[in-house]
Amino acid sequence: MPRLRVPLMVMTLFLCAVSATTAEVIVFNTDFESGIPSGISGTGSLAGVQGYSGLGLGADVFAGNFLRTEAGNGVANGITLSLSGLPTHSSIDIDFLLAVIDSWDGVGDRHHGPDGFAVSVDGMTIFSTVFQNSGSGTQTYVPPAGVQLARHANLGFAVPGPSNFFRDSAYNMGLDPTFSSIAHTSSSLTVSWFRNSGLQINSPTFVDESYAIDNLRISLNGTSAAVPEPSSVASLTLLAVLAFAFRKRREVSKGS
């Protein structure tokens, strides 16, 4: 019976030293400070964040430039990210800051609204809501705790008109559970941000409403690998010592 203790300990140490783990892997990350990365298409263009600067927390803060679109409704007029060659995974997280700029009209506005915004993954809409900055109509989006960074603020993008109508809002959408653990297993991924309702009024000098994204990050969940635990070096050293001691003990036992 005493002879079994060493190999059982050796096996235990081996299992602790190397284990199959699931990990979160970031496969796309940009703050748009070095331009528009490859993989992003659509109508977005770089713009200074103006009064949005500093809104956020930790690493997720508006700064420098963000990707803004002033185009109309539909995926073709929005911003799209396309990725391929992704490793095996079970779900994805989408983290981004969202700037809702100028006179978005809510539900109940009979003339221009409701101004809707949506996000789709591989062509399937996972998020669809109505924002309201103008005071006209009702906003349907109720942000979870920590998501709203500013509401009905003048953050530097006001077009000609009353300041209480052309206001701005900011959200950290990565804190909304809608964008966490989205079921996905394909080796390719397409994410689109777009307006899906409402009337966009354009003139030679201004657009009455737009949106922008910043600090965009895509993470994969459920990727697997054999990863040494932090104590693996010490464990493996002890493993070698115990294996040697066990072998010597067997040799002595055989010789006696």
C-alpha atoms as a PDB file:
ATOM      1  CA  MET A   1       0.000   0.000   0.000  1.00  0.00           C
ATOM      2  CA  PRO A   2       2.729   2.575   0.753  1.00  0.00           C
ATOM      3  CA  ARG A   3       4.079   2.044  -2.758  1.00  0.00           C
ATOM      4  CA  LEU A   4       0.874   3.472  -4.284  1.00  0.00           C
ATOM      5  CA  ARG A   5       1.216   6.851  -2.608  1.00  0.00           C
ATOM      6  CA  VAL A   6       4.054   8.064  -4.768  1.00  0.00           C
ATOM      7  CA  PRO A   7       2.537   7.324  -8.183  1.00  0.00           C
ATOM      8  CA  LEU A   8      -0.823   8.742  -7.065  1.00  0.00           C
ATOM      9  CA  MET A   9       0.927  11.934  -5.964  1.00  0.00           C
ATOM     10  CA  VAL A  10       2.840  12.020  -9.232  1.00  0.00           C
ATOM     11  CA  MET A  11      -0.426  11.745 -11.182  1.00  0.00           C
ATOM     12  CA  THR A  12      -2.056  14.477  -9.087  1.00  0.00           C
ATOM     13  CA  LEU A  13       0.851  16.841  -9.665  1.00  0.00           C
ATOM     14  CA  PHE A  14       0.784  16.104 -13.382  1.00  0.00           C
ATOM     15  CA  LEU A  15      -2.912  16.923 -13.641  1.00  0.00           C
ATOM     16  CA  CYS A  16      -2.393  20.161 -11.711  1.00  0.00           C
ATOM     17  CA  ALA A  17       0.645  21.144 -13.754  1.00  0.00           C
ATOM     18  CA  VAL A  18      -1.014  20.944 -17.172  1.00  0.00           C
ATOM     19  CA  SER A  19      -4.733  21.376 -17.642  1.00  0.00           C
ATOM     20  CA  ALA A  20      -7.111  21.997 -20.502  1.00  0.00           C
ATOM     21  CA  THR A  21      -8.475  25.508 -20.017  1.00  0.00           C
ATOM     22  CA  THR A  22     -10.931  27.751 -21.806  1.00  0.00           C
ATOM     23  CA  ALA A  23      -9.720  31.255 -22.486  1.00  0.00           C
ATOM     24  CA  GLU A  24     -10.928  34.607 -23.754  1.00  0.00           C
ATOM     25  CA  VAL A  25      -8.920  35.658 -26.801  1.00  0.00           C
ATOM     26  CA  ILE A  26      -9.017  39.190 -28.230  1.00  0.00           C
ATOM     27  CA  VAL A  27      -8.963  38.926 -32.032  1.00  0.00           C
ATOM     28  CA  PHE A  28      -9.654  42.570 -32.935  1.00  0.00           C
ATOM     29  CA  ASN A  29      -8.905  45.758 -31.022  1.00  0.00           C
ATOM     30  CA  THR A  30      -8.759  49.371 -32.209  1.00  0.00           C
ATOM     31  CA  ASP A  31      -9.128  52.876 -30.822  1.00  0.00           C
ATOM     32  CA  PHE A  32      -8.948  54.409 -34.338  1.00  0.00           C
ATOM     33  CA  GLU A  33      -5.885  56.461 -33.435  1.00  0.00           C
ATOM     34  CA  SER A  34      -3.852  54.851 -36.236  1.00  0.00           C
ATOM     35  CA  GLY A  35      -6.522  55.116 -38.903  1.00  0.00           C
ATOM     36  CA  ILE A  36      -9.293  52.778 -39.993  1.00  0.00           C
ATOM     37  CA  PRO A  37      -8.077  49.157 -39.675  1.00  0.00           C
ATOM     38  CA  SER A  38      -8.420  46.662 -42.490  1.00  0.00           C
ATOM     39  CA  GLY A  39     -11.585  44.654 -42.124  1.00  0.00           C
ATOM     40  CA  ILE A  40     -13.747  47.718 -41.514  1.00  0.00           C
ATOM     41  CA  SER A  41     -15.875  48.956 -44.382  1.00  0.00           C
ATOM     42  CA  GLY A  42     -18.904  51.166 -44.925  1.00  0.00           C
ATOM     43  CA  THR A  43     -19.578  54.875 -44.681  1.00  0.00           C
ATOM     44  CA  GLY A  44     -17.628  55.643 -41.501  1.00  0.00           C
ATOM     45  CA  SER A  45     -14.853  58.218 -41.448  1.00  0.00           C
ATOM     46  CA  LEU A  46     -12.497  59.375 -38.732  1.00  0.00           C
ATOM     47  CA  ALA A  47     -13.518  62.425 -36.701  1.00  0.00           C
ATOM     48  CA  GLY A  48     -12.240  64.086 -33.555  1.00  0.00           C
ATOM     49  CA  VAL A  49     -14.245  63.136 -30.477  1.00  0.00           C
ATOM     50  CA  GLN A  50     -14.648  66.786 -29.391  1.00  0.00           C
ATOM     51  CA  GLY A  51     -16.617  66.992 -26.132  1.00  0.00           C
ATOM     52  CA  TYR A  52     -16.758  63.214 -25.787  1.00  0.00           C
ATOM     53  CA  SER A  53     -13.103  63.249 -24.747  1.00  0.00           C
ATOM     54  CA  GLY A  54     -12.576  61.626 -21.346  1.00  0.00           C
ATOM     55  CA  LEU A  55     -16.004  60.025 -21.102  1.00  0.00           C
ATOM     56  CA  GLY A  56     -15.687  56.431 -19.937  1.00  0.00           C
ATOM     57  CA  LEU A  57     -13.761  54.456 -17.395  1.00  0.00           C
ATOM     58  CA  GLY A  58     -10.373  52.732 -17.336  1.00  0.00           C
ATOM     59  CA  ALA A  59      -9.166  51.732 -20.784  1.00  0.00           C
ATOM     60  CA  ASP A  60     -12.578  52.349 -22.339  1.00  0.00           C
ATOM     61  CA  VAL A  61     -12.521  56.129 -22.694  1.00  0.00           C
ATOM     62  CA  PHE A  62     -13.336  58.345 -25.666  1.00  0.00           C
ATOM     63  CA  ALA A  63     -10.143  60.011 -26.872  1.00  0.00           C
ATOM     64  CA  GLY A  64      -8.559  61.346 -30.047  1.00  0.00           C
ATOM     65  CA  ASN A  65     -10.589  60.031 -32.975  1.00  0.00           C
ATOM     66  CA  PHE A  66     -13.603  57.825 -33.384  1.00  0.00           C
ATOM     67  CA  LEU A  67     -15.318  56.334 -36.436  1.00  0.00           C
ATOM     68  CA  ARG A  68     -18.369  58.408 -37.334  1.00  0.00           C
ATOM     69  CA  THR A  69     -21.006  57.990 -40.025  1.00  0.00           C
ATOM     70  CA  GLU A  70     -23.483  60.603 -41.172  1.00  0.00           C
ATOM     71  CA  ALA A  71     -25.183  58.366 -43.718  1.00  0.00           C
ATOM     72  CA  GLY A  72     -28.793  57.230 -43.728  1.00  0.00           C
ATOM     73  CA  ASN A  73     -30.552  53.983 -42.871  1.00  0.00           C
ATOM     74  CA  GLY A  74     -29.604  50.393 -43.629  1.00  0.00           C
ATOM     75  CA  VAL A  75     -26.529  48.175 -43.361  1.00  0.00           C
ATOM     76  CA  ALA A  76     -25.085  49.615 -46.576  1.00  0.00           C
ATOM     77  CA  ASN A  77     -25.050  53.060 -44.961  1.00  0.00           C
ATOM     78  CA  GLY A  78     -23.525  51.837 -41.715  1.00  0.00           C
ATOM     79  CA  ILE A  79     -20.200  50.475 -40.438  1.00  0.00           C
ATOM     80  CA  THR A  80     -19.217  46.827 -40.931  1.00  0.00           C
ATOM     81  CA  LEU A  81     -16.390  44.727 -39.503  1.00  0.00           C
ATOM     82  CA  SER A  82     -15.442  41.478 -41.258  1.00  0.00           C
ATOM     83  CA  LEU A  83     -13.057  38.905 -39.749  1.00  0.00           C
ATOM     84  CA  SER A  84     -11.966  35.475 -40.993  1.00  0.00           C
ATOM     85  CA  GLY A  85      -9.704  32.611 -39.954  1.00  0.00           C
ATOM     86  CA  LEU A  86     -10.950  32.649 -36.366  1.00  0.00           C
ATOM     87  CA  PRO A  87      -9.921  29.759 -34.091  1.00  0.00           C
ATOM     88  CA  THR A  88     -12.445  27.374 -32.555  1.00  0.00           C
ATOM     89  CA  HIS A  89     -14.703  29.155 -30.059  1.00  0.00           C
ATOM     90  CA  SER A  90     -18.193  28.980 -28.560  1.00  0.00           C
ATOM     91  CA  SER A  91     -19.225  32.639 -28.277  1.00  0.00           C
ATOM     92  CA  ILE A  92     -18.045  36.218 -28.770  1.00  0.00           C
ATOM     93  CA  ASP A  93     -18.031  39.498 -26.845  1.00  0.00           C
ATOM     94  CA  ILE A  94     -18.372  42.845 -28.625  1.00  0.00           C
ATOM     95  CA  ASP A  95     -17.058  45.851 -26.712  1.00  0.00           C
ATOM     96  CA  PHE A  96     -17.430  49.389 -28.044  1.00  0.00           C
ATOM     97  CA  LEU A  97     -18.212  52.946 -27.045  1.00  0.00           C
ATOM     98  CA  LEU A  98     -21.194  54.497 -28.834  1.00  0.00           C
ATOM     99  CA  ALA A  99     -21.709  58.191 -29.515  1.00  0.00           C
ATOM    100  CA  VAL A 100     -25.298  59.148 -30.398  1.00  0.00           C
ATOM    101  CA  ILE A 101     -24.927  62.589 -31.948  1.00  0.00           C
ATOM    102  CA  ASP A 102     -27.465  65.395 -32.451  1.00  0.00           C
ATOM    103  CA  SER A 103     -31.243  65.308 -32.893  1.00  0.00           C
ATOM    104  CA  TRP A 104     -32.255  61.664 -32.641  1.00  0.00           C
ATOM    105  CA  ASP A 105     -36.049  61.557 -32.225  1.00  0.00           C
ATOM    106  CA  GLY A 106     -37.854  59.001 -30.102  1.00  0.00           C
ATOM    107  CA  VAL A 107     -41.025  56.989 -30.435  1.00  0.00           C
ATOM    108  CA  GLY A 108     -44.057  59.273 -30.699  1.00  0.00           C
ATOM    109  CA  ASP A 109     -42.447  61.942 -32.881  1.00  0.00           C
ATOM    110  CA  ARG A 110     -44.907  62.201 -35.772  1.00  0.00           C
ATOM    111  CA  HIS A 111     -42.605  64.062 -38.154  1.00  0.00           C
ATOM    112  CA  HIS A 112     -39.119  62.544 -38.083  1.00  0.00           C
ATOM    113  CA  GLY A 113     -38.857  59.623 -35.656  1.00  0.00           C
ATOM    114  CA  PRO A 114     -38.505  57.121 -34.334  1.00  0.00           C
ATOM    115  CA  ASP A 115     -34.749  57.084 -34.972  1.00  0.00           C
ATOM    116  CA  GLY A 116     -33.643  53.490 -34.566  1.00  0.00           C
ATOM    117  CA  PHE A 117     -30.179  51.974 -34.209  1.00  0.00           C
ATOM    118  CA  ALA A 118     -29.226  48.336 -34.636  1.00  0.00           C
ATOM    119  CA  VAL A 119     -26.302  45.915 -34.504  1.00  0.00           C
ATOM    120  CA  SER A 120     -26.213  42.624 -36.405  1.00  0.00           C
ATOM    121  CA  VAL A 121     -23.933  39.579 -36.250  1.00  0.00           C
ATOM    122  CA  ASP A 122     -23.600  37.551 -39.447  1.00  0.00           C
ATOM    123  CA  GLY A 123     -26.750  39.197 -40.769  1.00  0.00           C
ATOM    124  CA  MET A 124     -28.876  38.531 -37.678  1.00  0.00           C
ATOM    125  CA  THR A 125     -29.978  41.575 -35.672  1.00  0.00           C
ATOM    126  CA  ILE A 126     -28.992  41.139 -32.017  1.00  0.00           C
ATOM    127  CA  PHE A 127     -29.697  44.705 -30.855  1.00  0.00           C
ATOM    128  CA  SER A 128     -32.360  47.146 -32.016  1.00  0.00           C
ATOM    129  CA  THR A 129     -33.517  50.216 -30.138  1.00  0.00           C
ATOM    130  CA  VAL A 130     -34.579  53.853 -30.442  1.00  0.00           C
ATOM    131  CA  PHE A 131     -32.485  56.717 -29.104  1.00  0.00           C
ATOM    132  CA  GLN A 132     -33.758  60.207 -28.316  1.00  0.00           C
ATOM    133  CA  ASN A 133     -31.589  63.300 -27.895  1.00  0.00           C
ATOM    134  CA  SER A 134     -33.938  66.027 -29.127  1.00  0.00           C
ATOM    135  CA  GLY A 135     -36.580  65.858 -26.406  1.00  0.00           C
ATOM    136  CA  SER A 136     -39.075  64.829 -29.077  1.00  0.00           C
ATOM    137  CA  GLY A 137     -40.648  61.437 -28.475  1.00  0.00           C
ATOM    138  CA  THR A 138     -39.497  58.701 -26.087  1.00  0.00           C
ATOM    139  CA  GLN A 139     -36.259  56.728 -26.037  1.00  0.00           C
ATOM    140  CA  THR A 140     -36.852  52.966 -25.860  1.00  0.00           C
ATOM    141  CA  TYR A 141     -33.310  52.048 -24.836  1.00  0.00           C
ATOM    142  CA  VAL A 142     -32.952  51.629 -21.075  1.00  0.00           C
ATOM    143  CA  PRO A 143     -29.208  51.299 -20.422  1.00  0.00           C
ATOM    144  CA  PRO A 144     -28.073  48.803 -17.766  1.00  0.00           C
ATOM    145  CA  ALA A 145     -26.018  50.123 -14.855  1.00  0.00           C
ATOM    146  CA  GLY A 146     -22.762  51.719 -15.945  1.00  0.00           C
ATOM    147  CA  VAL A 147     -23.591  51.814 -19.665  1.00  0.00           C
ATOM    148  CA  GLN A 148     -24.742  55.450 -19.921  1.00  0.00           C
ATOM    149  CA  LEU A 149     -21.823  57.895 -19.889  1.00  0.00           C
ATOM    150  CA  ALA A 150     -23.701  61.081 -20.875  1.00  0.00           C
ATOM    151  CA  ARG A 151     -27.251  61.995 -21.865  1.00  0.00           C
ATOM    152  CA  HIS A 152     -28.667  65.117 -23.481  1.00  0.00           C
ATOM    153  CA  ALA A 153     -25.304  66.889 -23.292  1.00  0.00           C
ATOM    154  CA  ASN A 154     -23.780  69.381 -25.704  1.00  0.00           C
ATOM    155  CA  LEU A 155     -20.586  67.568 -26.675  1.00  0.00           C
ATOM    156  CA  GLY A 156     -19.469  69.709 -29.566  1.00  0.00           C
ATOM    157  CA  PHE A 157     -21.429  68.467 -32.574  1.00  0.00           C
ATOM    158  CA  ALA A 158     -24.429  70.815 -32.482  1.00  0.00           C
ATOM    159  CA  VAL A 159     -25.591  71.842 -35.950  1.00  0.00           C
ATOM    160  CA  PRO A 160     -27.317  75.194 -36.530  1.00  0.00           C
ATOM    161  CA  GLY A 161     -30.396  75.248 -34.326  1.00  0.00           C
ATOM    162  CA  PRO A 162     -31.491  75.348 -30.685  1.00  0.00           C
ATOM    163  CA  SER A 163     -28.912  73.806 -28.350  1.00  0.00           C
ATOM    164  CA  ASN A 164     -31.562  71.897 -26.412  1.00  0.00           C
ATOM    165  CA  PHE A 165     -32.562  70.062 -29.604  1.00  0.00           C
ATOM    166  CA  PHE A 166     -29.186  69.100 -31.089  1.00  0.00           C
ATOM    167  CA  ARG A 167     -27.759  67.299 -28.092  1.00  0.00           C
ATOM    168  CA  ASP A 168     -25.548  64.233 -27.686  1.00  0.00           C
ATOM    169  CA  SER A 169     -25.373  61.035 -25.638  1.00  0.00           C
ATOM    170  CA  ALA A 170     -22.652  58.456 -24.918  1.00  0.00           C
ATOM    171  CA  TYR A 171     -22.755  54.786 -23.924  1.00  0.00           C
ATOM    172  CA  ASN A 172     -20.290  52.024 -23.073  1.00  0.00           C
ATOM    173  CA  MET A 173     -22.091  49.221 -24.882  1.00  0.00           C
ATOM    174  CA  GLY A 174     -19.559  46.622 -23.769  1.00  0.00           C
ATOM    175  CA  LEU A 175     -21.240  46.740 -20.353  1.00  0.00           C
ATOM    176  CA  ASP A 176     -24.616  45.815 -21.819  1.00  0.00           C
ATOM    177  CA  PRO A 177     -25.113  42.026 -21.415  1.00  0.00           C
ATOM    178  CA  THR A 178     -26.582  41.947 -24.936  1.00  0.00           C
ATOM    179  CA  PHE A 179     -23.041  42.134 -26.276  1.00  0.00           C
ATOM    180  CA  SER A 180     -21.538  39.434 -24.051  1.00  0.00           C
ATOM    181  CA  SER A 181     -21.404  35.683 -24.748  1.00  0.00           C
ATOM    182  CA  ILE A 182     -23.119  35.929 -28.136  1.00  0.00           C
ATOM    183  CA  ALA A 183     -23.406  32.383 -29.501  1.00  0.00           C
ATOM    184  CA  HIS A 184     -20.991  32.029 -32.416  1.00  0.00           C
ATOM    185  CA  THR A 185     -18.789  29.190 -33.710  1.00  0.00           C
ATOM    186  CA  SER A 186     -17.962  30.100 -37.305  1.00  0.00           C
ATOM    187  CA  SER A 187     -14.392  30.833 -38.427  1.00  0.00           C
ATOM    188  CA  SER A 188     -15.679  34.074 -39.994  1.00  0.00           C
ATOM    189  CA  LEU A 189     -17.536  36.982 -38.407  1.00  0.00           C
ATOM    190  CA  THR A 190     -19.406  40.004 -39.735  1.00  0.00           C
ATOM    191  CA  VAL A 191     -20.640  42.713 -37.357  1.00  0.00           C
ATOM    192  CA  SER A 192     -22.639  45.717 -38.625  1.00  0.00           C
ATOM    193  CA  TRP A 193     -23.723  48.926 -36.879  1.00  0.00           C
ATOM    194  CA  PHE A 194     -26.514  50.844 -38.648  1.00  0.00           C
ATOM    195  CA  ARG A 195     -29.587  53.064 -38.388  1.00  0.00           C
ATOM    196  CA  ASN A 196     -32.730  51.078 -39.089  1.00  0.00           C
ATOM    197  CA  SER A 197     -35.494  53.694 -38.952  1.00  0.00           C
ATOM    198  CA  GLY A 198     -36.198  57.398 -38.886  1.00  0.00           C
ATOM    199  CA  LEU A 199     -35.680  60.341 -41.200  1.00  0.00           C
ATOM    200  CA  GLN A 200     -32.209  61.736 -41.716  1.00  0.00           C
ATOM    201  CA  ILE A 201     -32.185  65.366 -42.842  1.00  0.00           C
ATOM    202  CA  ASN A 202     -29.140  66.430 -44.855  1.00  0.00           C
ATOM    203  CA  SER A 203     -28.239  69.890 -46.086  1.00  0.00           C
ATOM    204  CA  PRO A 204     -25.150  71.316 -47.801  1.00  0.00           C
ATOM    205  CA  THR A 205     -23.772  72.353 -44.410  1.00  0.00           C
ATOM    206  CA  PHE A 206     -24.882  69.751 -41.852  1.00  0.00           C
ATOM    207  CA  VAL A 207     -26.449  66.390 -41.036  1.00  0.00           C
ATOM    208  CA  ASP A 208     -29.036  66.532 -38.275  1.00  0.00           C
ATOM    209  CA  GLU A 209     -28.062  63.240 -36.614  1.00  0.00           C
ATOM    210  CA  SER A 210     -25.217  60.728 -36.734  1.00  0.00           C
ATOM    211  CA  TYR A 211     -23.380  58.183 -34.593  1.00  0.00           C
ATOM    212  CA  ALA A 212     -19.838  57.006 -33.959  1.00  0.00           C
ATOM    213  CA  ILE A 213     -18.044  54.048 -32.372  1.00  0.00           C
ATOM    214  CA  ASP A 214     -14.757  53.996 -30.473  1.00  0.00           C
ATOM    215  CA  ASN A 215     -12.564  51.466 -28.605  1.00  0.00           C
ATOM    216  CA  LEU A 216     -13.893  48.533 -30.599  1.00  0.00           C
ATOM    217  CA  ARG A 217     -12.835  45.091 -29.346  1.00  0.00           C
ATOM    218  CA  ILE A 218     -13.904  41.580 -30.378  1.00  0.00           C
ATOM    219  CA  SER A 219     -13.143  38.679 -28.019  1.00  0.00           C
ATOM    220  CA  LEU A 220     -13.653  34.943 -28.483  1.00  0.00           C
ATOM    221  CA  ASN A 221     -14.836  32.773 -25.607  1.00  0.00           C
ATOM    222  CA  GLY A 222     -14.357  29.037 -25.202  1.00  0.00           C
ATOM    223  CA  THR A 223     -11.073  28.658 -27.032  1.00  0.00           C
ATOM    224  CA  SER A 224      -9.133  25.734 -25.545  1.00  0.00           C
ATOM    225  CA  ALA A 225      -5.443  24.924 -25.045  1.00  0.00           C
ATOM    226  CA  ALA A 226      -3.147  22.975 -22.764  1.00  0.00           C
ATOM    227  CA  VAL A 227      -1.854  25.729 -20.523  1.00  0.00           C
ATOM    228  CA  PRO A 228       0.645  25.308 -17.635  1.00  0.00           C
ATOM    229  CA  GLU A 229      -0.677  26.533 -14.323  1.00  0.00           C
ATOM    230  CA  PRO A 230       1.349  29.309 -12.604  1.00  0.00           C
ATOM    231  CA  SER A 231       2.881  26.762 -10.219  1.00  0.00           C
ATOM    232  CA  SER A 232       3.698  24.289 -12.978  1.00  0.00           C
ATOM    233  CA  VAL A 233       7.464  24.824 -12.946  1.00  0.00           C
ATOM    234  CA  ALA A 234       7.723  23.980  -9.252  1.00  0.00           C
ATOM    235  CA  SER A 235       5.247  21.135  -9.643  1.00  0.00           C
ATOM    236  CA  LEU A 236       7.106  19.591 -12.541  1.00  0.00           C
ATOM    237  CA  THR A 237      10.389  19.836 -10.644  1.00  0.00           C
ATOM    238  CA  LEU A 238       8.832  18.030  -7.693  1.00  0.00           C
ATOM    239  CA  LEU A 239       7.297  15.547 -10.107  1.00  0.00           C
ATOM    240  CA  ALA A 240      10.714  14.641 -11.462  1.00  0.00           C
ATOM    241  CA  VAL A 241      12.154  14.205  -7.956  1.00  0.00           C
ATOM    242  CA  LEU A 242       9.286  11.973  -6.852  1.00  0.00           C
ATOM    243  CA  ALA A 243       9.440   9.881 -10.017  1.00  0.00           C
ATOM    244  CA  PHE A 244      13.182   9.329  -9.508  1.00  0.00           C
ATOM    245  CA  ALA A 245      12.639   8.388  -5.837  1.00  0.00           C
ATOM    246  CA  PHE A 246       9.902   5.956  -6.749  1.00  0.00           C
ATOM    247  CA  ARG A 247      12.060   4.290  -9.401  1.00  0.00           C
ATOM    248  CA  LYS A 248      14.980   3.906  -6.980  1.00  0.00           C
ATOM    249  CA  ARG A 249      12.665   2.440  -4.346  1.00  0.00           C
ATOM    250  CA  ARG A 250      11.431  -0.168  -6.808  1.00  0.00           C
ATOM    251  CA  GLU A 251      15.002  -1.050  -7.762  1.00  0.00           C
ATOM    252  CA  VAL A 252      15.982  -1.518  -4.100  1.00  0.00           C
ATOM    253  CA  SER A 253      12.843  -3.582  -3.498  1.00  0.00           C
ATOM    254  CA  LYS A 254      13.655  -5.887  -6.423  1.00  0.00           C
ATOM    255  CA  GLY A 255      17.272  -6.352  -5.301  1.00  0.00           C
ATOM    256  CA  SER A 256      16.353  -7.338  -1.735  1.00  0.00           C
END
